[in-house]
Amino acid sequence: MKTFLLGTVAAIAVVGTATAADMRMPVKAPPVVAPVFSWTGCYVGGFVGGAWNADDTVVADRNGLTSFGPHSWGYKTDSSFIGGGTVGCNWQPVGSPFVLGLEGEVGYMSIEGSGYDPLSGSFLYSSTKVGDWYGIIAGRLGYSFDRAMIYVKGGVAFVDVENTISHPLFVASTSETKATWTVGGGIEWAFDMNWSIKAEYMYIGLDNTQSVYAPIGSGYNWDHDNSGIHTAKIGLNYRFGGGAPVVARY
């Protein structure tokens, strides 16, 4: 019996010593979950900027039915404020700096210009208007440096174009929505897991000829050569989802 009691006391002492030693050992911290930035996700945004024609609008009386024969003249158009909204989605493969995206924008634009036919004095007057709206659907290819990204962009643009001829005997105009190509690029920086700002340039390849016919059955017509459009903008985007959480072990 005495031997049994001595053995029990010794066992309790060993267990107590081991427990005290375990209590003195540092406890390992749990894994830390930290967000890692990724451009993947869909977003909405807004932008403001400016637009201007690449060249003058050129008007030509090419059928030569006027008393002055075939001739042409040109005039400059004013630059325009642009502003509107953007919606798009990005996909960045895990571990890759490349970002693929699809983006659409709709905005306000109003580029206008006018001029008299120098051979007719003040009798023949032409005017051009591009807008009041435009739209773009384009793909994006970007290369990211963590939260900074440079990208190229290209696709299709839709622009409303109107040309008018005014004469003491009539006023004639033609208006249509033109579908054309657009290309450009920009830089975007994410200052938050969800918010980013961008600066972007896009060229809209309008470069079309629009004919205006006199409404009196005379056969008179004037061709208007409208040049391409430069646009420059700054924008603010909000991306849904933010960063992807990963486990960082220490």
Protein backbone atom coordinates (compact mmCIF):
# COMPACT_ATOMS: atom_id res chain seq x y z
CA MET A 1 0.00 0.00 0.00
CA LYS A 2 2.79 2.34 0.88
CA THR A 3 4.49 1.57 -2.39
CA PHE A 4 1.27 2.29 -4.30
CA LEU A 5 0.88 5.70 -2.64
CA LEU A 6 4.44 6.68 -3.39
CA GLY A 7 3.97 5.73 -7.08
CA THR A 8 0.77 7.78 -7.36
CA VAL A 9 2.42 10.86 -5.87
CA ALA A 10 5.33 10.52 -8.28
CA ALA A 11 3.00 10.23 -11.29
CA ILE A 12 1.08 13.32 -10.25
CA ALA A 13 4.32 15.24 -9.87
CA VAL A 14 5.48 14.26 -13.37
CA VAL A 15 2.17 15.29 -14.96
CA GLY A 16 2.17 18.60 -13.12
CA THR A 17 5.71 19.36 -14.22
CA ALA A 18 4.86 18.62 -17.87
CA THR A 19 1.72 20.79 -17.74
CA ALA A 20 3.63 23.71 -16.28
CA ALA A 21 6.26 23.37 -18.98
CA ASP A 22 3.54 23.39 -21.70
CA MET A 23 2.04 26.53 -20.19
CA ARG A 24 5.40 28.30 -20.41
CA MET A 25 5.75 27.49 -24.18
CA PRO A 26 4.57 30.23 -26.63
CA VAL A 27 1.27 29.56 -28.40
CA LYS A 28 1.53 29.53 -32.22
CA ALA A 29 -0.58 32.28 -33.84
CA PRO A 30 -3.35 31.19 -36.25
CA PRO A 31 -2.86 31.78 -39.99
CA VAL A 32 -3.46 35.38 -41.07
CA VAL A 33 -6.01 35.91 -43.86
CA ALA A 34 -4.88 38.85 -46.02
CA PRO A 35 -6.52 40.21 -49.19
CA VAL A 36 -4.47 40.05 -52.37
CA PHE A 37 -5.31 42.59 -55.08
CA SER A 38 -6.72 41.32 -58.37
CA TRP A 39 -8.34 43.19 -61.27
CA THR A 40 -10.88 40.41 -61.74
CA GLY A 41 -14.48 41.59 -61.36
CA CYS A 42 -17.18 43.77 -62.88
CA TYR A 43 -17.40 47.50 -62.39
CA VAL A 44 -19.37 50.68 -63.08
CA GLY A 45 -18.04 54.21 -63.38
CA GLY A 46 -18.26 57.70 -64.80
CA PHE A 47 -15.99 59.98 -66.80
CA VAL A 48 -15.49 63.53 -68.10
CA GLY A 49 -13.23 64.85 -70.82
CA GLY A 50 -13.12 66.46 -74.24
CA ALA A 51 -13.44 65.65 -77.95
CA TRP A 52 -12.36 67.33 -81.17
CA ASN A 53 -12.24 66.57 -84.91
CA ALA A 54 -8.96 65.49 -86.45
CA ASP A 55 -9.44 67.73 -89.53
CA ASP A 56 -11.78 70.33 -91.00
CA THR A 57 -15.13 69.32 -92.47
CA VAL A 58 -14.92 69.53 -96.26
CA VAL A 59 -18.03 70.28 -98.34
CA ALA A 60 -18.03 69.57 -102.07
CA ASP A 61 -20.51 70.43 -104.84
CA ARG A 62 -19.38 67.45 -106.89
CA ASN A 63 -22.10 67.26 -109.52
CA GLY A 64 -21.32 70.78 -110.75
CA LEU A 65 -24.92 71.81 -111.34
CA THR A 66 -24.43 75.21 -109.74
CA SER A 67 -23.22 78.12 -111.85
CA PHE A 68 -19.79 77.86 -110.17
CA GLY A 69 -19.14 74.29 -111.35
CA PRO A 70 -17.65 71.54 -109.14
CA HIS A 71 -15.83 73.03 -106.19
CA SER A 72 -15.35 72.53 -102.45
CA TRP A 73 -14.75 74.47 -99.25
CA GLY A 74 -14.08 73.62 -95.62
CA TYR A 75 -14.60 74.84 -92.09
CA LYS A 76 -13.44 73.99 -88.60
CA THR A 77 -15.58 72.46 -85.89
CA ASP A 78 -15.57 73.37 -82.22
CA SER A 79 -14.25 71.01 -79.56
CA SER A 80 -16.77 69.49 -77.16
CA PHE A 81 -17.12 68.47 -73.54
CA ILE A 82 -17.83 64.76 -73.13
CA GLY A 83 -19.20 62.93 -70.11
CA GLY A 84 -21.02 59.72 -69.39
CA GLY A 85 -21.04 56.30 -67.80
CA THR A 86 -19.04 53.08 -68.10
CA VAL A 87 -19.75 49.43 -67.33
CA GLY A 88 -17.38 46.51 -67.79
CA CYS A 89 -15.78 43.31 -66.52
CA ASN A 90 -12.14 42.23 -66.12
CA TRP A 91 -10.50 38.84 -65.76
CA GLN A 92 -6.95 38.42 -64.46
CA PRO A 93 -5.63 34.84 -64.36
CA VAL A 94 -4.09 33.88 -61.02
CA GLY A 95 -0.37 34.63 -61.03
CA SER A 96 -0.50 36.51 -64.37
CA PRO A 97 0.04 40.25 -64.91
CA PHE A 98 -2.27 40.26 -67.95
CA VAL A 99 -5.85 41.50 -67.66
CA LEU A 100 -8.59 40.81 -70.22
CA GLY A 101 -11.76 42.89 -70.26
CA LEU A 102 -14.88 44.01 -72.07
CA GLU A 103 -16.18 47.55 -71.60
CA GLY A 104 -19.08 49.69 -72.78
CA GLU A 105 -19.61 53.42 -72.45
CA VAL A 106 -22.34 55.88 -73.37
CA GLY A 107 -21.72 59.60 -73.28
CA TYR A 108 -22.63 63.10 -74.33
CA MET A 109 -20.79 64.78 -77.21
CA SER A 110 -21.67 67.83 -79.30
CA ILE A 111 -19.11 68.83 -81.96
CA GLU A 112 -20.41 71.60 -84.24
CA GLY A 113 -19.13 73.75 -87.09
CA SER A 114 -20.37 75.76 -90.06
CA GLY A 115 -19.22 77.87 -93.00
CA TYR A 116 -20.36 79.71 -96.14
CA ASP A 117 -19.55 78.62 -99.67
CA PRO A 118 -16.95 81.27 -100.61
CA LEU A 119 -18.10 81.29 -104.24
CA SER A 120 -21.74 81.99 -103.42
CA GLY A 121 -21.24 84.76 -100.88
CA SER A 122 -23.86 84.39 -98.18
CA PHE A 123 -26.32 82.38 -100.26
CA LEU A 124 -25.10 78.87 -99.46
CA TYR A 125 -24.37 77.84 -95.91
CA SER A 126 -23.29 74.45 -94.55
CA SER A 127 -23.27 73.15 -90.98
CA THR A 128 -22.18 69.95 -89.23
CA LYS A 129 -23.09 68.42 -85.90
CA VAL A 130 -21.69 65.25 -84.29
CA GLY A 131 -23.75 64.16 -81.27
CA ASP A 132 -25.56 64.73 -78.94
CA TRP A 133 -24.64 61.20 -77.94
CA TYR A 134 -22.19 58.43 -78.73
CA GLY A 135 -21.47 54.90 -77.55
CA ILE A 136 -18.53 52.48 -77.53
CA ILE A 137 -18.27 48.71 -77.05
CA ALA A 138 -14.64 47.61 -76.84
CA GLY A 139 -12.30 44.93 -75.59
CA ARG A 140 -9.37 45.72 -73.30
CA LEU A 141 -5.98 44.08 -72.91
CA GLY A 142 -4.00 45.27 -69.91
CA TYR A 143 -0.69 44.62 -68.20
CA SER A 144 -0.73 45.18 -64.46
CA PHE A 145 1.92 46.23 -61.98
CA ASP A 146 -0.07 45.20 -58.91
CA ARG A 147 -2.53 48.10 -58.52
CA ALA A 148 -1.39 50.01 -61.63
CA MET A 149 -2.36 48.88 -65.12
CA ILE A 150 -1.64 50.06 -68.66
CA TYR A 151 -3.99 48.88 -71.38
CA VAL A 152 -4.98 49.07 -75.03
CA LYS A 153 -8.59 49.14 -76.12
CA GLY A 154 -10.43 48.67 -79.42
CA GLY A 155 -13.89 47.96 -80.77
CA VAL A 156 -16.92 49.61 -82.35
CA ALA A 157 -18.31 53.12 -81.86
CA PHE A 158 -21.75 54.56 -82.62
CA VAL A 159 -21.99 58.29 -83.39
CA ASP A 160 -24.93 60.45 -84.48
CA VAL A 161 -23.93 62.72 -87.42
CA GLU A 162 -25.99 65.50 -89.05
CA ASN A 163 -25.06 67.75 -92.01
CA THR A 164 -27.20 70.63 -93.30
CA ILE A 165 -27.24 72.92 -96.35
CA SER A 166 -29.09 76.24 -96.08
CA HIS A 167 -30.08 78.34 -99.12
CA PRO A 168 -32.58 81.22 -99.54
CA LEU A 169 -34.88 78.78 -101.37
CA PHE A 170 -34.52 75.69 -99.15
CA VAL A 171 -32.96 74.00 -96.16
CA ALA A 172 -31.88 70.36 -96.51
CA SER A 173 -30.25 68.02 -94.02
CA THR A 174 -29.22 64.41 -93.55
CA SER A 175 -28.90 62.71 -90.16
CA GLU A 176 -27.84 59.15 -89.35
CA THR A 177 -26.15 57.07 -86.68
CA LYS A 178 -22.82 55.81 -87.95
CA ALA A 179 -21.21 52.58 -86.75
CA THR A 180 -17.43 52.74 -87.04
CA TRP A 181 -14.19 51.57 -85.42
CA THR A 182 -12.40 52.97 -82.40
CA VAL A 183 -8.98 52.33 -80.85
CA GLY A 184 -6.94 53.77 -77.98
CA GLY A 185 -5.57 53.04 -74.54
CA GLY A 186 -4.92 54.35 -71.08
CA ILE A 187 -3.64 53.84 -67.57
CA GLU A 188 -5.64 52.88 -64.48
CA TRP A 189 -4.65 52.90 -60.80
CA ALA A 190 -6.56 51.26 -57.95
CA PHE A 191 -6.21 53.41 -54.84
CA ASP A 192 -8.49 51.03 -52.92
CA MET A 193 -9.56 47.37 -53.19
CA ASN A 194 -12.70 48.57 -55.01
CA TRP A 195 -12.04 52.10 -56.34
CA SER A 196 -9.79 53.08 -59.25
CA ILE A 197 -9.11 56.14 -61.41
CA LYS A 198 -8.11 56.17 -65.08
CA ALA A 199 -6.85 58.45 -67.84
CA GLU A 200 -7.75 57.35 -71.36
CA TYR A 201 -7.41 58.38 -75.01
CA MET A 202 -9.65 56.99 -77.78
CA TYR A 203 -9.79 57.74 -81.51
CA ILE A 204 -13.17 57.30 -83.21
CA GLY A 205 -12.64 56.65 -86.92
CA LEU A 206 -15.67 58.53 -88.21
CA ASP A 207 -14.05 59.47 -91.56
CA ASN A 208 -17.30 59.25 -93.55
CA THR A 209 -18.92 61.09 -96.46
CA GLN A 210 -22.52 62.19 -96.01
CA SER A 211 -24.53 63.64 -98.93
CA VAL A 212 -27.19 66.32 -98.61
CA TYR A 213 -29.67 66.76 -101.48
CA ALA A 214 -31.73 69.84 -102.28
CA PRO A 215 -35.45 69.08 -101.77
CA ILE A 216 -36.66 70.82 -104.95
CA GLY A 217 -35.88 68.12 -107.51
CA SER A 218 -33.05 70.10 -109.06
CA GLY A 219 -30.42 67.41 -108.58
CA TYR A 220 -28.20 69.62 -106.46
CA ASN A 221 -26.23 67.72 -103.83
CA TRP A 222 -23.31 68.41 -101.53
CA ASP A 223 -21.00 65.81 -100.04
CA HIS A 224 -19.69 66.38 -96.52
CA ASP A 225 -16.44 64.68 -95.55
CA ASN A 226 -16.43 64.34 -91.76
CA SER A 227 -13.09 63.54 -90.15
CA GLY A 228 -12.24 61.23 -87.25
CA ILE A 229 -12.64 62.28 -83.63
CA HIS A 230 -10.05 62.45 -80.84
CA THR A 231 -11.30 61.93 -77.26
CA ALA A 232 -9.47 62.25 -73.94
CA LYS A 233 -11.03 61.55 -70.56
CA ILE A 234 -10.49 60.86 -66.89
CA GLY A 235 -12.76 58.45 -65.04
CA LEU A 236 -13.61 56.88 -61.71
CA ASN A 237 -14.64 53.20 -61.44
CA TYR A 238 -16.09 51.10 -58.63
CA ARG A 239 -15.33 47.37 -58.91
CA PHE A 240 -17.54 44.88 -57.11
CA GLY A 241 -15.90 42.24 -54.94
CA GLY A 242 -12.53 43.78 -54.10
CA GLY A 243 -9.51 41.58 -53.44
CA ALA A 244 -9.39 37.79 -53.14
CA PRO A 245 -8.58 36.52 -49.61
CA VAL A 246 -5.62 34.17 -49.27
CA VAL A 247 -4.01 32.53 -46.22
CA ALA A 248 -0.61 33.96 -45.38
CA ARG A 249 1.20 31.60 -42.99
CA TYR A 250 3.82 32.83 -40.53
